[in-house]
Amino acid sequence: MSAFPVSDWANLFSKLTWRRFVNAFKVWCSYQLSKWTGKPIQWGLPISISFEPTTSCNLRCPECPSGLRSFSRPTGMLQQDFFSSTIDQLHKDLFYLIFYFQGEPYLNPDFLDMVRYAADKKIYTATSTNGHYLTEANARKTIESGLDRLIISIDGTTQEVYQQYRVGGNLEKVLEGARTIMHWKKQLKSRTPFVVFQFLVVRPNEHQLEDARVLAKQIGVDAIWFKTAQVYDFENDPNQLIPLNSSYSRYRKTEKGTEFKGQLANHCWRLWHDPVITWDGLVAPCCFDKDAAHRLGDLKQQSFATIWQSDSYKKFRATLLQGRKHIDICANCSEGTKVWGD
């Protein structure tokens, strides 16, 4: 079981047209030039986008704004016509589309139809799910939608451990959904989606890593990834989530207390290539702005190209180049630290 098999890489790069390659090169060059000059320069359009199907979720995970119901922005569902019109603006340059920001994507009844629309535009599509809605019908439609990567969260190998983070979740339902996905993938003789078990390593489950590997092999998924956890109040860790095994932690103990391992360099690749679009059309700088507090534009009022080159975007990039410490969402960001374990 390889973390990134040749087949998935081959599928990813099969989406790369000459225009998308040129756009990606322009974006990368403008980022490098911005770092060198200290001035915000932006060429091209995004290489990747995270599009939010919904803010709704069926679980109550303790470090998730959606699970905690702690948003100040409204809860709602991405509308298919708005999604399609936005993709129509971007698809010629867009290479990678993540159907996820907050919430559970499968709660949106039009989710898989939107995947199909993007897949028909030859964009690499991915999503992340808690796995509770992988019914026979949804599993088959997932395969038929053309989805390229499906990440299923499985943060424990027993119900007792699993529910300590996935509050309100049912592990057996998730495993049955994963089996159903693999059944339909085989039945329809499809190479996609690349199915991943994502195991968020926290203190309650860190003793189950080997059991998780065995379980992934038994189910037959394509890979298992171990992810370090973001803890908002890491100095106090009120839910006792930071692992004792420092290899799977974004934080370290010091004489002064608990510190974040990341280095806040005065640049961030995300701001140049990978914005977030919320279900209601707000453009946020990156996936760490969970509440879309830094609203750089509204797609229901402006085109994406206008927002991407707007004064508000230029100002935000300029502030970042002066120092990420000046931006609240950067303080606990994974950029520059280890996210994935072995």
Protein backbone atom coordinates (compact mmCIF):
# COMPACT_ATOMS: atom_id res chain seq x y z
CA MET A 1 0.00 0.00 0.00
CA SER A 2 1.77 3.11 -1.27
CA ALA A 3 1.01 6.60 0.05
CA PHE A 4 1.12 8.08 -3.47
CA PRO A 5 1.07 5.29 -6.10
CA VAL A 6 2.08 5.85 -9.68
CA SER A 7 -1.53 5.50 -10.85
CA ASP A 8 -2.69 8.49 -8.79
CA TRP A 9 0.23 10.65 -9.90
CA ALA A 10 -0.42 9.63 -13.50
CA ASN A 11 -4.10 10.55 -13.16
CA LEU A 12 -3.19 13.89 -11.59
CA PHE A 13 -0.80 14.89 -14.37
CA SER A 14 -3.21 13.69 -17.05
CA LYS A 15 -5.23 16.81 -16.19
CA LEU A 16 -2.33 19.11 -17.03
CA THR A 17 -2.93 20.96 -20.29
CA TRP A 18 -0.41 23.32 -21.85
CA ARG A 19 -2.49 26.32 -20.73
CA ARG A 20 -2.64 25.02 -17.14
CA PHE A 21 1.11 24.41 -17.15
CA VAL A 22 1.81 27.96 -18.37
CA ASN A 23 -0.58 29.38 -15.76
CA ALA A 24 1.08 27.36 -12.96
CA PHE A 25 4.51 28.55 -14.09
CA LYS A 26 3.35 32.19 -14.08
CA VAL A 27 1.88 31.80 -10.58
CA TRP A 28 5.07 30.16 -9.24
CA CYS A 29 7.30 32.83 -10.82
CA SER A 30 5.21 35.64 -9.36
CA TYR A 31 5.42 34.03 -5.92
CA GLN A 32 9.21 33.70 -6.12
CA LEU A 33 9.52 37.29 -7.34
CA SER A 34 7.29 38.49 -4.50
CA LYS A 35 9.52 36.76 -1.95
CA TRP A 36 12.62 38.28 -3.52
CA THR A 37 11.31 41.86 -3.81
CA GLY A 38 9.06 41.90 -0.75
CA LYS A 39 6.28 43.30 -2.94
CA PRO A 40 3.03 41.49 -3.82
CA ILE A 41 3.16 40.42 -7.46
CA GLN A 42 0.46 38.09 -8.79
CA TRP A 43 0.44 36.61 -12.27
CA GLY A 44 -2.00 34.03 -13.53
CA LEU A 45 -5.02 32.48 -11.82
CA PRO A 46 -5.20 29.87 -9.02
CA ILE A 47 -3.73 26.43 -9.64
CA SER A 48 -5.94 24.94 -6.94
CA ILE A 49 -9.14 25.97 -5.15
CA SER A 50 -10.99 24.71 -2.09
CA PHE A 51 -14.75 25.00 -2.70
CA GLU A 52 -17.05 24.54 0.30
CA PRO A 53 -20.12 22.33 -0.36
CA THR A 54 -21.64 23.16 3.04
CA THR A 55 -20.88 24.29 6.58
CA SER A 56 -23.31 21.70 8.01
CA CYS A 57 -22.00 18.60 9.76
CA ASN A 58 -23.50 15.61 11.55
CA LEU A 59 -20.62 15.27 14.05
CA ARG A 60 -19.34 17.35 16.98
CA CYS A 61 -15.55 17.07 16.71
CA PRO A 62 -13.90 19.16 19.48
CA GLU A 63 -11.38 21.07 17.32
CA CYS A 64 -13.67 21.78 14.37
CA PRO A 65 -15.62 25.06 14.06
CA SER A 66 -18.32 23.21 12.13
CA GLY A 67 -18.61 20.53 14.79
CA LEU A 68 -18.57 23.09 17.60
CA ARG A 69 -21.15 25.26 15.79
CA SER A 70 -18.85 28.19 16.49
CA PHE A 71 -19.12 30.06 13.18
CA SER A 72 -20.15 33.68 13.06
CA ARG A 73 -20.95 33.25 9.35
CA PRO A 74 -24.20 31.56 8.27
CA THR A 75 -24.65 27.84 7.63
CA GLY A 76 -25.86 26.82 4.21
CA MET A 77 -25.45 24.75 1.05
CA LEU A 78 -23.48 25.55 -2.10
CA GLN A 79 -25.89 25.98 -5.01
CA GLN A 80 -25.15 24.10 -8.20
CA ASP A 81 -25.77 26.99 -10.60
CA PHE A 82 -23.42 29.27 -8.67
CA PHE A 83 -20.77 26.55 -8.56
CA SER A 84 -21.04 25.89 -12.29
CA SER A 85 -20.78 29.57 -13.21
CA THR A 86 -17.65 29.93 -11.05
CA ILE A 87 -16.02 26.86 -12.55
CA ASP A 88 -16.84 28.21 -16.01
CA GLN A 89 -14.70 31.24 -15.14
CA LEU A 90 -11.73 29.19 -13.94
CA HIS A 91 -11.62 25.73 -15.49
CA LYS A 92 -9.20 26.48 -18.33
CA ASP A 93 -6.46 27.36 -15.83
CA LEU A 94 -7.59 25.37 -12.77
CA PHE A 95 -5.74 22.10 -12.19
CA TYR A 96 -6.94 20.85 -8.78
CA LEU A 97 -10.29 21.28 -7.01
CA ILE A 98 -10.88 20.33 -3.37
CA PHE A 99 -14.55 19.93 -2.44
CA TYR A 100 -14.00 20.72 1.20
CA PHE A 101 -13.47 23.56 3.64
CA GLN A 102 -15.83 23.09 6.58
CA GLY A 103 -18.79 20.75 6.99
CA GLU A 104 -19.63 17.31 5.57
CA PRO A 105 -19.78 17.42 1.73
CA TYR A 106 -22.24 14.54 1.36
CA LEU A 107 -24.91 16.53 3.22
CA ASN A 108 -25.25 18.70 0.12
CA PRO A 109 -27.70 16.83 -2.14
CA ASP A 110 -26.07 18.27 -5.29
CA PHE A 111 -22.49 17.50 -4.21
CA LEU A 112 -21.81 14.60 -6.58
CA ASP A 113 -23.46 16.39 -9.51
CA MET A 114 -20.99 19.24 -8.94
CA VAL A 115 -18.12 16.75 -8.86
CA ARG A 116 -19.33 15.42 -12.20
CA TYR A 117 -19.42 18.93 -13.66
CA ALA A 118 -15.82 19.61 -12.62
CA ALA A 119 -14.65 16.17 -13.73
CA ASP A 120 -16.14 16.79 -17.17
CA LYS A 121 -13.90 19.88 -17.34
CA LYS A 122 -10.88 17.58 -16.76
CA ILE A 123 -10.08 19.09 -13.34
CA TYR A 124 -8.58 16.80 -10.69
CA THR A 125 -11.21 16.55 -7.96
CA ALA A 126 -10.82 15.55 -4.30
CA THR A 127 -12.94 15.56 -1.17
CA SER A 128 -12.77 14.64 2.51
CA THR A 129 -15.65 12.99 4.34
CA ASN A 130 -16.42 11.57 7.77
CA GLY A 131 -17.83 8.56 5.92
CA HIS A 132 -21.31 8.38 7.43
CA TYR A 133 -23.18 8.86 4.15
CA LEU A 134 -21.45 6.30 1.92
CA THR A 135 -24.63 4.34 1.24
CA GLU A 136 -24.98 1.96 -1.71
CA ALA A 137 -26.51 4.74 -3.82
CA ASN A 138 -23.96 7.38 -2.81
CA ALA A 139 -21.04 4.99 -3.18
CA ARG A 140 -22.00 4.05 -6.71
CA LYS A 141 -22.68 7.66 -7.67
CA THR A 142 -19.31 8.67 -6.18
CA ILE A 143 -17.52 6.28 -8.52
CA GLU A 144 -19.65 7.37 -11.48
CA SER A 145 -19.09 11.08 -10.71
CA GLY A 146 -15.45 10.87 -11.75
CA LEU A 147 -14.12 11.92 -8.33
CA ASP A 148 -10.34 11.45 -8.34
CA ARG A 149 -9.55 11.27 -4.61
CA LEU A 150 -11.73 10.34 -1.65
CA ILE A 151 -10.36 10.90 1.85
CA ILE A 152 -12.26 9.10 4.61
CA SER A 153 -11.57 10.20 8.18
CA ILE A 154 -11.02 7.29 10.54
CA ASP A 155 -9.56 8.45 13.83
CA GLY A 156 -9.64 5.21 15.81
CA THR A 157 -9.93 1.47 15.27
CA THR A 158 -12.46 0.82 18.04
CA GLN A 159 -15.71 2.66 18.72
CA GLU A 160 -14.54 3.62 22.22
CA VAL A 161 -11.45 5.39 20.89
CA TYR A 162 -13.00 6.69 17.67
CA GLN A 163 -15.85 8.53 19.41
CA GLN A 164 -13.48 10.44 21.68
CA TYR A 165 -12.66 12.72 18.75
CA ARG A 166 -15.45 11.93 16.28
CA VAL A 167 -18.16 12.82 18.76
CA GLY A 168 -21.51 11.43 17.63
CA GLY A 169 -19.88 9.15 15.06
CA ASN A 170 -20.32 5.44 14.39
CA LEU A 171 -17.12 3.67 13.36
CA GLU A 172 -18.81 0.57 11.96
CA LYS A 173 -20.96 2.76 9.70
CA VAL A 174 -17.80 4.43 8.36
CA LEU A 175 -16.08 1.09 7.75
CA GLU A 176 -19.15 -0.30 6.02
CA GLY A 177 -19.24 2.81 3.82
CA ALA A 178 -15.58 2.33 2.91
CA ARG A 179 -16.23 -1.31 2.01
CA THR A 180 -19.15 -0.20 -0.17
CA ILE A 181 -16.97 2.34 -1.97
CA MET A 182 -14.32 -0.30 -2.67
CA HIS A 183 -17.02 -2.73 -3.85
CA TRP A 184 -18.42 -0.29 -6.40
CA LYS A 185 -14.98 0.78 -7.53
CA LYS A 186 -14.25 -2.86 -8.33
CA GLN A 187 -17.72 -3.55 -9.72
CA LEU A 188 -17.53 -0.61 -12.13
CA LYS A 189 -13.88 -1.39 -12.96
CA SER A 190 -12.86 2.15 -12.15
CA ARG A 191 -9.35 3.33 -11.35
CA THR A 192 -10.77 6.25 -9.38
CA PRO A 193 -11.24 7.53 -6.82
CA PHE A 194 -7.94 6.99 -5.04
CA VAL A 195 -9.32 6.06 -1.60
CA VAL A 196 -7.45 7.19 1.50
CA PHE A 197 -8.00 6.53 5.18
CA GLN A 198 -6.95 9.69 7.01
CA PHE A 199 -6.04 9.07 10.65
CA LEU A 200 -5.82 12.26 12.70
CA VAL A 201 -3.31 11.41 15.41
CA VAL A 202 -4.43 12.65 18.85
CA ARG A 203 -3.61 11.44 22.33
CA PRO A 204 -6.63 9.10 22.69
CA ASN A 205 -5.74 7.16 19.50
CA GLU A 206 -1.96 7.39 19.15
CA HIS A 207 -1.57 3.80 20.40
CA GLN A 208 -3.65 2.49 17.47
CA LEU A 209 -1.46 3.46 14.51
CA GLU A 210 -0.42 -0.10 13.68
CA ASP A 211 -4.00 -1.33 14.13
CA ALA A 212 -5.09 1.38 11.67
CA ARG A 213 -2.60 0.13 9.09
CA VAL A 214 -3.96 -3.40 9.46
CA LEU A 215 -7.55 -2.17 9.17
CA ALA A 216 -6.78 -0.18 6.02
CA LYS A 217 -5.28 -3.28 4.44
CA GLN A 218 -8.31 -5.39 5.42
CA ILE A 219 -10.76 -2.90 3.91
CA GLY A 220 -8.61 -2.60 0.78
CA VAL A 221 -8.25 1.18 0.57
CA ASP A 222 -5.43 2.56 -1.53
CA ALA A 223 -3.53 4.34 1.27
CA ILE A 224 -3.58 5.41 4.88
CA TRP A 225 -2.25 8.82 5.90
CA PHE A 226 -1.45 9.84 9.45
CA LYS A 227 -2.10 13.54 10.01
CA THR A 228 -0.96 15.78 12.85
CA ALA A 229 -3.75 17.68 14.58
CA GLN A 230 -4.30 21.41 14.82
CA VAL A 231 -5.20 22.36 18.40
CA TYR A 232 -6.53 25.89 18.75
CA ASP A 233 -5.72 26.39 22.43
CA PHE A 234 -2.50 24.39 22.30
CA GLU A 235 -1.01 26.19 25.29
CA ASN A 236 -3.66 24.66 27.56
CA ASP A 237 -4.89 21.73 25.42
CA PRO A 238 -8.26 21.57 27.25
CA ASN A 239 -9.37 18.38 25.45
CA GLN A 240 -6.03 16.61 26.02
CA LEU A 241 -5.51 15.98 22.29
CA ILE A 242 -1.80 16.69 21.75
CA PRO A 243 -0.04 13.31 21.34
CA LEU A 244 2.74 12.26 23.68
CA ASN A 245 4.66 11.02 20.62
CA SER A 246 6.23 14.26 19.38
CA SER A 247 6.65 12.81 15.87
CA TYR A 248 2.91 13.20 15.41
CA SER A 249 2.55 16.61 17.03
CA ARG A 250 2.71 20.15 15.66
CA TYR A 251 3.71 21.33 19.14
CA ARG A 252 6.59 20.87 21.57
CA LYS A 253 7.02 21.20 25.31
CA THR A 254 9.52 23.79 26.54
CA GLU A 255 10.40 25.35 29.88
CA LYS A 256 7.99 28.17 29.01
CA GLY A 257 5.14 25.80 28.16
CA THR A 258 3.79 24.38 24.89
CA GLU A 259 5.01 25.98 21.66
CA PHE A 260 4.07 25.65 18.01
CA LYS A 261 6.84 23.98 15.98
CA GLY A 262 6.18 26.00 12.82
CA GLN A 263 8.33 28.87 11.64
CA LEU A 264 6.40 31.97 10.60
CA ALA A 265 8.38 32.89 7.51
CA ASN A 266 7.40 36.10 5.73
CA HIS A 267 5.83 34.33 2.77
CA CYS A 268 3.21 31.65 2.10
CA TRP A 269 2.66 29.76 -1.14
CA ARG A 270 -1.05 29.30 -0.38
CA LEU A 271 -1.78 33.01 -0.91
CA TRP A 272 -0.56 32.80 -4.48
CA HIS A 273 -2.13 29.57 -5.70
CA ASP A 274 -4.88 28.12 -3.48
CA PRO A 275 -7.78 30.31 -2.26
CA VAL A 276 -10.99 29.18 -0.58
CA ILE A 277 -14.52 29.85 -1.82
CA THR A 278 -17.27 29.49 0.79
CA TRP A 279 -20.69 28.03 0.04
CA ASP A 280 -22.15 31.54 -0.30
CA GLY A 281 -19.43 32.93 -2.57
CA LEU A 282 -16.98 34.64 -0.24
CA VAL A 283 -13.31 34.38 -1.21
CA ALA A 284 -11.03 33.71 1.76
CA PRO A 285 -7.21 33.64 1.61
CA CYS A 286 -6.70 30.03 2.69
CA CYS A 287 -8.10 27.04 4.57
CA PHE A 288 -6.91 28.36 7.96
CA ASP A 289 -9.43 31.19 7.82
CA LYS A 290 -12.18 28.88 9.08
CA ASP A 291 -14.71 31.63 9.68
CA ALA A 292 -13.84 33.53 6.48
CA ALA A 293 -13.00 36.55 8.63
CA HIS A 294 -10.57 37.89 6.01
CA ARG A 295 -13.06 38.33 3.19
CA LEU A 296 -11.22 39.36 0.07
CA GLY A 297 -14.22 39.47 -2.21
CA ASP A 298 -17.71 38.20 -2.98
CA LEU A 299 -18.24 36.20 -6.17
CA LYS A 300 -21.89 37.11 -6.24
CA GLN A 301 -20.85 40.70 -6.82
CA GLN A 302 -17.55 40.43 -8.76
CA SER A 303 -15.77 38.05 -11.10
CA PHE A 304 -13.01 35.90 -9.66
CA ALA A 305 -10.34 37.54 -11.84
CA THR A 306 -11.34 40.96 -10.47
CA ILE A 307 -11.13 39.74 -6.86
CA TRP A 308 -7.81 37.94 -7.47
CA GLN A 309 -6.17 41.20 -8.58
CA SER A 310 -8.09 43.48 -6.21
CA ASP A 311 -6.60 46.00 -3.80
CA SER A 312 -7.81 43.94 -0.83
CA TYR A 313 -5.91 40.86 -2.08
CA LYS A 314 -2.79 42.93 -2.79
CA LYS A 315 -2.97 44.47 0.68
CA PHE A 316 -3.32 41.06 2.34
CA ARG A 317 -0.35 39.62 0.41
CA ALA A 318 1.69 42.74 1.26
CA THR A 319 0.91 42.34 4.98
CA LEU A 320 1.97 38.70 4.81
CA LEU A 321 5.27 39.60 3.13
CA GLN A 322 5.95 42.03 5.98
CA GLY A 323 5.47 39.24 8.52
CA ARG A 324 2.99 36.43 9.08
CA LYS A 325 3.01 37.27 12.78
CA HIS A 326 0.82 40.26 11.90
CA ILE A 327 -2.02 37.97 10.69
CA ASP A 328 -4.08 36.07 13.26
CA ILE A 329 -4.86 33.00 11.12
CA CYS A 330 -1.13 32.43 10.51
CA ALA A 331 -0.26 31.95 14.18
CA ASN A 332 -1.26 28.26 14.25
CA CYS A 333 -0.85 27.47 10.55
CA SER A 334 0.71 24.22 9.36
CA GLU A 335 2.72 25.97 6.61
CA GLY A 336 6.35 25.28 7.39
CA THR A 337 5.72 22.42 9.84
CA LYS A 338 5.13 18.68 9.55
CA VAL A 339 1.52 17.79 8.74
CA TRP A 340 1.79 14.15 7.67
CA GLY A 341 3.38 11.38 9.72
CA ASP A 342 4.91 8.16 8.44
